[in-house]
Amino acid sequence: MVANLIGVALATFLLVLIERRGTMNMRHFLLPGFCAGLTTFSAVAGLTIVPSEGGQLFLFHNVMFSLLIMIVVLPISRKLIPART
């Protein structure tokens, strides 16, 4: 779960960076390439289908923490990365 949450924070930061300073090629390379490799969906899916190990609770925590990280990182990123003028 830690790798997924780090990936969410990084993807959120990169979205703002690319929106303000980057190019579409940069977006296609960094987000699906690097961030998707860090946050593998198969790990989340694999842990979710095992109900004896708290799969649905893991999924719930993963989604809630991911949304919380986006809510925190998005405004910070927008303050740190100036818009292109």
Protein backbone atom coordinates (compact mmCIF):
# COMPACT_ATOMS: atom_id res chain seq x y z
CA MET A 1 0.00 0.00 0.00
CA VAL A 2 2.91 2.36 0.72
CA ALA A 3 4.18 2.10 -2.88
CA ASN A 4 0.70 2.86 -4.17
CA LEU A 5 0.31 5.91 -1.95
CA ILE A 6 3.74 7.24 -2.91
CA GLY A 7 2.78 6.74 -6.55
CA VAL A 8 -0.47 8.67 -6.05
CA ALA A 9 1.39 11.57 -4.44
CA LEU A 10 3.99 11.56 -7.21
CA ALA A 11 1.37 11.34 -9.97
CA THR A 12 -0.57 14.24 -8.44
CA PHE A 13 2.57 16.38 -8.27
CA LEU A 14 3.55 15.43 -11.83
CA LEU A 15 0.08 16.27 -13.14
CA VAL A 16 0.43 19.83 -11.84
CA LEU A 17 4.03 20.09 -13.07
CA ILE A 18 3.13 18.88 -16.56
CA GLU A 19 0.01 21.05 -16.66
CA ARG A 20 2.06 24.13 -15.88
CA ARG A 21 5.51 23.43 -17.33
CA GLY A 22 5.51 20.25 -19.35
CA THR A 23 4.56 18.79 -22.68
CA MET A 24 2.19 16.04 -23.71
CA ASN A 25 5.15 13.74 -24.45
CA MET A 26 6.35 14.23 -20.89
CA ARG A 27 2.89 13.36 -19.60
CA HIS A 28 2.73 10.15 -21.64
CA PHE A 29 6.15 9.07 -20.43
CA LEU A 30 5.93 9.88 -16.72
CA LEU A 31 2.35 9.09 -15.75
CA PRO A 32 1.55 5.78 -17.47
CA GLY A 33 5.17 4.70 -17.57
CA PHE A 34 6.83 5.57 -14.30
CA CYS A 35 3.87 6.05 -11.95
CA ALA A 36 1.96 3.03 -13.25
CA GLY A 37 5.03 0.89 -12.74
CA LEU A 38 5.27 2.09 -9.17
CA THR A 39 1.58 1.62 -8.38
CA THR A 40 0.74 -1.73 -9.86
CA PHE A 41 -2.97 -2.37 -9.98
CA SER A 42 -2.38 -6.10 -9.92
CA ALA A 43 -1.08 -5.89 -6.34
CA VAL A 44 -4.21 -4.05 -5.23
CA ALA A 45 -6.48 -6.45 -7.13
CA GLY A 46 -4.64 -9.49 -5.78
CA LEU A 47 -4.94 -8.38 -2.18
CA THR A 48 -8.56 -7.33 -2.61
CA ILE A 49 -9.86 -10.73 -3.73
CA VAL A 50 -8.54 -12.53 -0.65
CA PRO A 51 -11.36 -11.90 1.83
CA SER A 52 -9.75 -13.94 4.59
CA GLU A 53 -6.95 -11.36 4.77
CA GLY A 54 -9.21 -8.30 4.88
CA GLY A 55 -9.28 -7.66 1.13
CA GLN A 56 -12.20 -5.26 1.00
CA LEU A 57 -10.92 -3.33 3.98
CA PHE A 58 -7.54 -3.03 2.25
CA LEU A 59 -9.25 -1.69 -0.88
CA PHE A 60 -11.29 0.78 1.15
CA HIS A 61 -8.18 2.05 2.97
CA ASN A 62 -6.25 2.25 -0.28
CA VAL A 63 -8.92 4.37 -1.98
CA MET A 64 -9.51 6.62 1.04
CA PHE A 65 -5.81 7.24 1.67
CA SER A 66 -5.24 7.88 -2.05
CA LEU A 67 -7.99 10.51 -2.10
CA LEU A 68 -6.62 12.08 1.07
CA ILE A 69 -3.14 12.28 -0.44
CA MET A 70 -4.54 13.93 -3.57
CA ILE A 71 -6.43 16.48 -1.44
CA VAL A 72 -3.20 17.35 0.40
CA VAL A 73 -0.68 17.22 -2.48
CA LEU A 74 -2.71 19.07 -5.13
CA PRO A 75 -2.85 22.48 -3.38
CA ILE A 76 0.76 22.19 -2.24
CA SER A 77 1.88 21.43 -5.79
CA ARG A 78 -0.10 24.34 -7.16
CA LYS A 79 1.62 26.67 -4.69
CA LEU A 80 5.12 25.34 -5.38
CA ILE A 81 4.94 25.20 -9.18
CA PRO A 82 4.31 28.58 -10.76
CA ALA A 83 2.14 28.80 -13.87
CA ARG A 84 3.86 29.46 -17.16
CA THR A 85 3.56 33.10 -18.18
